[in-house]
């Protein structure tokens, strides 16, 4: 009887397949990372290849979403904190944050009786709260702001706390120095497994996103 030999299937390629980004995300040019569109052209590279800060991307029209308690300088991508409005220093290039309204609206601010602080803009006055808090329904009091409800606050898991929030990562990932993004732990990010073992068992400890073709959690 002849001996039968079975050839082993080839090892899966270590070259990751391109991933698809969700609505409201930017696809880094490396085709492997998605970041919130709010991080585009903010002066801080978030893509490994810095494509989110490239001249080609930033030359296009980008919708700026300023953080809580910040306001956009007209005609720019710069956001400044409410505390910098009417502080006697020009923080916006065109001086939008300063002007005669800072003096004329002082009495209107006093009448609001804001719990924390009052903002004076050229369009009027309104109350604001300390970072991590938002104005209540009465327009003057302050309440906790749920940062986790904001898209992109954390790359994986977000836990809201009183006046702040905390990011964490799922098993197999480690939180980065920015305390927001997550990266696969050393030894797991570029691990190859046999083609026949993909999506089979947790014992391989390979993050699902690094196993192209997986349709179920491992």
Foldseek 3Di string as FASTA:
>chain_A
DDDDDDDADDWDDLDADQDDDDPQWDQPPVSQDIAGLLPACPPDQDDPVSRSNDPVNVVDDGDHDDDAQWDDQPPDNDIDHLVQACPPDQPRPVSQSHDPQSVVCPVVQVVVQAPAGKGGGPVHIFHAHDQQWGADPVRHYIAGDFPVVDPRQAPDDWARDGSGIAYDDDPQWGQDPVRHYIDGDPPQQRDIDGPVCPLPDCVVVHAPSSRPPHPDGD
